[in-house]
Amino acid sequence: MMWKLVSCTLCFFVSLQLSLWCVWATANELDTEVKIEVLFKPEECTQKSKKGDLINLHYDGFLAKDGSQFYCSRSDKAGHPQWFVLGVGQVIKGLDIGIMEMCPGEKRKITVPPALAFGEKGKDPVPPNATVVFEVEVYSVSRGPRSMEAFRQMDIDKDQSLTKAEVKEYLKLDYEKGGKPRDEPFYEKIITDIFHKSDRDRDGLISAREYNIYEHDEL
């Protein structure tokens, strides 16, 4: 009788431990999951965003806890849409994940857990261990500036380096093709940012190796 009681007690505790472990594992998985809600998607989508694409978008950032806004791209940097290269760490990892396979004109609500946002330390004004929510609207998806196909298209004189004029001409044609031409200050801002991040030796040119963040040996 005593053995049965001990056996049942052990079974109970083992079962309890397994249950707690399962709950912990499920919570842990949820903590590293980016949740995506599509708010609007155009009927036609000729190009979806992928790693290495140049993305142009507006986005608002909110704290999931109380809904307070901590960032608005429309009120930052003269209100121009932001741009970045997708999937290479220029934004928090959760946004890199959440913006994959978006169409120009698409809108999403992206909920990002702390581990894929600003982590345990946070980043002012985002507090530590904060889940954040982004409302994103993509305006354009372009090849590059890290696609080597795009590099060859931009490199008009085929000298294995890009001038500001070559990059600007490529961007203007791409935006005009998409039916969304921009003003000169817009292009100048993008060019300045691209060269600041890519022209590592500051010679006013972007070489094939500087341009190609993946550092392929054949270049």
Foldseek 3Di string as FASTA:
>chain_A
DVVVVVVVVVVVVVVVVVVVVVVVVVVVVVLQDKDKDWPDADPDFPDFADAQKKWWKWKWKAFPVPRHTDDGCCPPPVRGTDIDGAPPPPAFQQVSVHRGGGGAFIKMKMKHWQVRHQEQCRDPPGHGRTIMIMIMHTHDIGHHVQDVVLVVQLPVVPPQKHALVSVLVSVQVRCVVVVHGDDPVNSVVVSVVCCVQQVVVPPRIHGNQSRHPVRDVVD
